[in-house]
Amino acid sequence: MVIPAFFSWRSIPLTKCHSAQEWLRVWNKTEAIAEIKQDPRSKLAALFGVIPLPKEWNDRQLLTLATKLDSYPQDNPIAYLLADITGSDPQIWLTESSIQNLAAWLTIQVPEECKSLERVWQQQFKEQDGSNLLPN
C-alpha cells in the first residue's frame, strides 16, 4: 500500500502522512506501508525553485500534478509533461538551446493553466544551459 500525503481510509479523513502512519500503527497494520510519499506541496515547491506555486492550486491539484510528474523520467519531468500537454516533440523541451528549437518552442501553444509549468521549464533551462536565447 502506498500512503499519499492526503487520503481517506475507511471514511476516516487523514490529512497528513504521519496521521496515517499513526492510525496504521494503532491498528497494528504498519506492514501495509510500502512507501511514504513526500508532501506534494513541498515536493513541487522544491521542483519549482524560484517560481512560486500558483496560489489558486488546491491540495488535490498539487497531488495530481506531483503524481503525474512522478510518472516521467526524473531527469526533467516538467519538460516531458509539457511535451505531452502540448502534443509537441519532447526534444524541443529537452535538447540544448538553438535558434531552431527556439523557433519551434515559440510556435507551441501552452494552455493558460500550464503557464506556471512553462515558466519553471524556462527557469530550469536557463540555469542548465546558461543561454540567453529564451525570452523572459
Protein backbone atom coordinates (compact mmCIF):
# COMPACT_ATOMS: atom_id res chain seq x y z
CA MET A 1 0.00 0.00 0.00
CA VAL A 2 1.31 3.44 -0.91
CA ILE A 3 0.26 6.13 1.54
CA PRO A 4 -0.05 9.50 -0.15
CA ALA A 5 0.12 12.65 1.92
CA PHE A 6 -3.64 13.10 1.61
CA PHE A 7 -6.12 10.22 1.59
CA SER A 8 -9.12 8.71 3.31
CA TRP A 9 -9.06 5.32 4.95
CA ARG A 10 -12.48 3.77 5.55
CA SER A 11 -14.15 7.19 5.65
CA ILE A 12 -11.75 8.48 8.30
CA PRO A 13 -10.18 11.60 6.78
CA LEU A 14 -6.45 11.74 7.37
CA THR A 15 -4.74 14.89 6.25
CA LYS A 16 -1.10 14.14 6.96
CA CYS A 17 1.08 11.15 6.31
CA HIS A 18 2.14 10.91 9.96
CA SER A 19 -1.54 10.67 10.95
CA ALA A 20 -1.97 7.78 8.55
CA GLN A 21 1.11 6.09 9.94
CA GLU A 22 -0.15 6.54 13.49
CA TRP A 23 -3.58 5.14 12.58
CA LEU A 24 -1.99 2.08 10.97
CA ARG A 25 0.32 1.64 13.99
CA VAL A 26 -2.62 1.75 16.42
CA TRP A 27 -4.48 -0.86 14.36
CA ASN A 28 -1.34 -2.98 14.05
CA LYS A 29 -1.23 -2.56 10.26
CA THR A 30 2.15 -0.90 9.75
CA GLU A 31 3.25 -3.74 7.46
CA ALA A 32 0.77 -2.33 4.93
CA ILE A 33 3.03 0.68 4.36
CA ALA A 34 5.09 0.08 1.23
CA GLU A 35 6.18 3.65 0.55
CA ILE A 36 5.78 7.05 2.14
CA LYS A 37 5.42 9.85 -0.36
CA GLN A 38 6.68 13.38 0.16
CA ASP A 39 4.05 16.07 0.73
CA PRO A 40 3.10 17.26 -2.78
CA ARG A 41 3.22 20.96 -1.87
CA SER A 42 6.81 20.78 -0.57
CA LYS A 43 7.87 18.45 -3.39
CA LEU A 44 6.52 20.81 -6.07
CA ALA A 45 7.90 23.88 -4.29
CA ALA A 46 11.37 22.30 -4.44
CA LEU A 47 10.90 21.42 -8.11
CA PHE A 48 9.60 24.90 -8.97
CA GLY A 49 12.60 26.56 -7.28
CA VAL A 50 12.31 30.35 -7.50
CA ILE A 51 8.96 30.17 -9.33
CA PRO A 52 6.15 30.26 -6.74
CA LEU A 53 3.38 27.67 -6.82
CA PRO A 54 0.17 29.26 -8.08
CA LYS A 55 -1.98 30.27 -5.12
CA GLU A 56 -5.13 29.01 -6.85
CA TRP A 57 -3.85 25.39 -6.97
CA ASN A 58 -5.52 23.37 -4.23
CA ASP A 59 -4.17 20.27 -2.45
CA ARG A 60 -5.95 17.88 -4.82
CA GLN A 61 -4.44 19.61 -7.88
CA LEU A 62 -0.99 19.57 -6.29
CA LEU A 63 -1.27 15.86 -5.51
CA THR A 64 -2.48 15.13 -9.05
CA LEU A 65 0.41 17.11 -10.56
CA ALA A 66 3.03 15.55 -8.27
CA THR A 67 1.73 12.07 -9.09
CA LYS A 68 1.75 12.82 -12.82
CA LEU A 69 5.30 14.19 -12.67
CA ASP A 70 6.40 11.01 -10.85
CA SER A 71 5.40 9.02 -13.95
CA TYR A 72 8.00 10.75 -16.14
CA PRO A 73 11.78 10.30 -16.27
CA GLN A 74 13.12 12.23 -13.30
CA ASP A 75 15.91 13.98 -15.20
CA ASN A 76 13.37 16.59 -16.42
CA PRO A 77 9.76 15.62 -15.63
CA ILE A 78 8.33 19.08 -16.37
CA ALA A 79 9.75 19.02 -19.91
CA TYR A 80 8.17 15.62 -20.56
CA LEU A 81 4.83 16.76 -19.12
CA LEU A 82 4.84 19.93 -21.24
CA ALA A 83 5.57 17.86 -24.35
CA ASP A 84 2.59 15.62 -23.54
CA ILE A 85 0.27 18.51 -22.70
CA THR A 86 1.09 20.38 -25.90
CA GLY A 87 1.44 17.33 -28.15
CA SER A 88 4.87 18.58 -29.19
CA ASP A 89 8.16 16.83 -29.83
CA PRO A 90 9.84 16.20 -26.45
CA GLN A 91 13.21 17.12 -27.96
CA ILE A 92 12.08 20.74 -28.20
CA TRP A 93 11.83 20.77 -24.40
CA LEU A 94 14.85 18.55 -23.69
CA THR A 95 17.70 19.48 -26.04
CA GLU A 96 20.23 22.27 -25.88
CA SER A 97 19.20 25.73 -26.95
CA SER A 98 19.39 26.60 -30.61
CA ILE A 99 17.68 29.02 -32.94
CA GLN A 100 15.73 26.08 -34.42
CA ASN A 101 14.48 24.90 -31.02
CA LEU A 102 13.57 28.44 -30.00
CA ALA A 103 11.60 28.89 -33.22
CA ALA A 104 9.77 25.59 -32.65
CA TRP A 105 9.08 26.43 -28.98
CA LEU A 106 7.64 29.83 -29.90
CA THR A 107 5.01 28.14 -32.07
CA ILE A 108 3.77 25.88 -29.25
CA GLN A 109 0.52 26.90 -27.57
CA VAL A 110 0.78 26.12 -23.86
CA PRO A 111 -2.63 26.14 -22.13
CA GLU A 112 -3.09 29.04 -19.71
CA GLU A 113 -3.41 26.71 -16.70
CA CYS A 114 0.05 25.29 -17.55
CA LYS A 115 1.90 28.59 -17.93
CA SER A 116 3.47 28.16 -14.47
CA LEU A 117 4.98 24.87 -15.61
CA GLU A 118 6.35 26.57 -18.70
CA ARG A 119 7.93 29.30 -16.53
CA VAL A 120 9.57 26.60 -14.38
CA TRP A 121 10.89 24.91 -17.50
CA GLN A 122 12.25 28.24 -18.78
CA GLN A 123 14.00 28.92 -15.47
CA GLN A 124 15.49 25.42 -15.29
CA PHE A 125 16.56 25.64 -18.94
CA LYS A 126 18.30 28.96 -18.37
CA GLU A 127 20.08 27.64 -15.29
CA GLN A 128 21.26 24.46 -17.05
CA ASP A 129 22.06 25.92 -20.44
CA GLY A 130 23.38 29.32 -19.47
CA SER A 131 21.89 30.61 -22.71
CA ASN A 132 20.03 33.84 -23.16
CA LEU A 133 18.03 32.57 -26.14
CA LEU A 134 14.80 32.21 -24.16
CA PRO A 135 12.77 35.35 -23.58
CA ASN A 136 11.96 36.41 -20.01
